Amino acid sequence: MTAFDPTKPVQTRSGLPVRIICTDCNDDNFPIIALVNQTYDRETLLSVRADGRFYEGLEHRSDLINAPEVTKKYRRVYKGSSSAIMSGPYDCEQRCRSDAHVGLEDRREYYGILEEVYTDGEFTTINFIPW
């Protein structure tokens, strides 16, 4: 497991979104001050240790952890020669969904795009987005 990095996106161990207000509070035990987005868009103040933990040496649902990095890649999907759906022959990995449609002259052979979702660099799911 990697060390907690307060400069990257953060959430609680239970999955609630967090905004870090400061990491240099004048408190040797709890230098990180954060706002936790509770239900109904209400934020709650939270002080934690430099390693993001609420209690020393124990895991707790209020611990701060780095949020997983979610990235998406897009591929064009064309009609194949045997009427099967395939990606390519002009396969592309677009970072922006809208860019995947750019430059298509013959839309009759184009079905849509595949959205590949990766969490922390690992493939997690795929979605088909029709044209």
Protein backbone atom coordinates (compact mmCIF):
# COMPACT_ATOMS: atom_id res chain seq x y z
CA MET A 1 0.00 0.00 0.00
CA THR A 2 1.28 3.47 -0.86
CA ALA A 3 1.66 6.22 1.71
CA PHE A 4 -1.10 8.79 2.12
CA ASP A 5 -0.47 11.91 0.00
CA PRO A 6 -2.61 14.93 0.99
CA THR A 7 -1.70 16.74 -2.25
CA LYS A 8 -3.68 14.19 -4.31
CA PRO A 9 -7.49 13.68 -4.36
CA VAL A 10 -8.70 12.42 -0.97
CA GLN A 11 -11.72 10.63 0.48
CA THR A 12 -12.58 9.03 3.80
CA ARG A 13 -12.01 5.31 4.20
CA SER A 14 -15.81 4.98 4.03
CA GLY A 15 -15.80 6.72 0.61
CA LEU A 16 -17.02 10.25 1.42
CA PRO A 17 -15.51 13.13 -0.58
CA VAL A 18 -13.05 15.36 1.29
CA ARG A 19 -11.52 18.83 0.83
CA ILE A 20 -8.27 19.40 2.69
CA ILE A 21 -8.15 22.91 4.15
CA CYS A 22 -4.60 22.81 5.53
CA THR A 23 -1.81 20.38 6.35
CA ASP A 24 0.13 22.61 8.74
CA CYS A 25 -2.26 23.26 11.62
CA ASN A 26 -0.45 24.25 14.81
CA ASP A 27 -1.21 20.89 16.44
CA ASP A 28 1.54 18.26 16.61
CA ASN A 29 -0.95 15.38 16.75
CA PHE A 30 -3.55 16.56 14.19
CA PRO A 31 -1.92 18.84 11.57
CA ILE A 32 -4.44 18.11 8.78
CA ILE A 33 -7.75 19.97 8.78
CA ALA A 34 -10.33 18.78 6.25
CA LEU A 35 -13.99 19.18 5.34
CA VAL A 36 -15.91 15.95 4.76
CA ASN A 37 -18.91 16.17 2.43
CA GLN A 38 -21.68 14.45 4.38
CA THR A 39 -25.20 13.75 3.12
CA TYR A 40 -27.32 16.63 1.81
CA ASP A 41 -24.19 18.59 0.80
CA ARG A 42 -23.32 19.37 4.41
CA GLU A 43 -19.62 19.54 5.25
CA THR A 44 -18.18 18.47 8.59
CA LEU A 45 -14.84 19.59 10.01
CA LEU A 46 -12.32 16.80 10.60
CA SER A 47 -8.81 16.86 12.12
CA VAL A 48 -6.49 13.94 11.42
CA ARG A 49 -2.88 12.90 11.90
CA ALA A 50 -0.19 13.54 9.27
CA ASP A 51 -0.64 9.99 7.94
CA GLY A 52 -4.39 10.63 7.45
CA ARG A 53 -5.48 8.47 10.35
CA PHE A 54 -8.18 9.47 12.83
CA TYR A 55 -6.74 7.19 15.56
CA GLU A 56 -3.08 6.30 15.93
CA GLY A 57 -2.38 2.76 14.69
CA LEU A 58 -6.04 1.86 14.07
CA GLU A 59 -8.16 1.89 10.93
CA HIS A 60 -11.33 3.97 11.16
CA ARG A 61 -14.04 4.95 8.68
CA SER A 62 -13.01 8.63 9.08
CA ASP A 63 -9.36 7.99 8.08
CA LEU A 64 -8.30 9.97 5.02
CA ILE A 65 -7.05 7.93 2.08
CA ASN A 66 -6.15 8.83 -1.47
CA ALA A 67 -9.13 8.51 -3.79
CA PRO A 68 -8.73 5.98 -6.59
CA GLU A 69 -7.64 7.53 -9.89
CA VAL A 70 -10.25 6.86 -12.56
CA THR A 71 -9.25 7.28 -16.20
CA LYS A 72 -11.22 6.61 -19.37
CA LYS A 73 -10.12 5.71 -22.87
CA TYR A 74 -12.32 5.64 -25.96
CA ARG A 75 -12.20 3.44 -29.07
CA ARG A 76 -14.23 3.78 -32.26
CA VAL A 77 -16.39 0.77 -33.18
CA TYR A 78 -16.94 0.00 -36.87
CA LYS A 79 -18.90 -2.58 -38.84
CA GLY A 80 -16.56 -5.40 -39.81
CA SER A 81 -16.38 -7.16 -43.20
CA SER A 82 -18.38 -10.10 -41.83
CA SER A 83 -20.98 -7.75 -40.28
CA ALA A 84 -19.41 -8.30 -36.85
CA ILE A 85 -18.75 -5.32 -34.64
CA MET A 86 -15.06 -4.63 -34.16
CA SER A 87 -12.80 -1.85 -33.08
CA GLY A 88 -10.79 -0.37 -35.92
CA PRO A 89 -9.27 -0.65 -38.43
CA TYR A 90 -8.63 2.97 -37.40
CA ASP A 91 -8.42 2.09 -33.73
CA CYS A 92 -7.92 5.08 -31.46
CA GLU A 93 -7.52 5.67 -27.75
CA GLN A 94 -9.08 9.06 -27.14
CA ARG A 95 -8.91 10.72 -23.74
CA CYS A 96 -12.00 12.81 -24.48
CA ARG A 97 -15.29 11.15 -25.43
CA SER A 98 -16.27 13.96 -27.82
CA ASP A 99 -12.94 13.62 -29.68
CA ALA A 100 -13.73 9.99 -30.56
CA HIS A 101 -16.35 11.21 -33.07
CA VAL A 102 -14.05 13.76 -34.78
CA GLY A 103 -12.97 13.06 -38.37
CA LEU A 104 -15.60 10.49 -39.29
CA GLU A 105 -16.52 10.88 -42.95
CA ASP A 106 -18.44 7.62 -43.46
CA ARG A 107 -20.81 7.32 -40.50
CA ARG A 108 -22.73 4.40 -42.09
CA GLU A 109 -19.92 2.03 -41.07
CA TYR A 110 -19.63 3.48 -37.59
CA TYR A 111 -21.62 2.11 -34.63
CA GLY A 112 -20.34 4.21 -31.74
CA ILE A 113 -17.54 4.15 -29.20
CA LEU A 114 -16.35 1.84 -26.46
CA GLU A 115 -15.56 3.55 -23.19
CA GLU A 116 -12.88 1.69 -21.23
CA VAL A 117 -12.73 2.59 -17.52
CA TYR A 118 -9.55 2.07 -15.47
CA THR A 119 -9.24 2.50 -11.70
CA ASP A 120 -5.68 3.03 -10.44
CA GLY A 121 -4.42 1.76 -13.80
CA GLU A 122 -6.41 -1.49 -13.66
CA PHE A 123 -9.20 -2.17 -16.18
CA THR A 124 -12.56 -2.15 -14.38
CA THR A 125 -15.40 -1.89 -16.92
CA ILE A 126 -16.38 -1.20 -20.51
CA ASN A 127 -19.44 0.66 -21.83
CA PHE A 128 -20.81 0.92 -25.36
CA ILE A 129 -22.00 4.39 -26.39
CA PRO A 130 -24.02 4.22 -29.63
CA TRP A 131 -23.65 6.85 -32.35
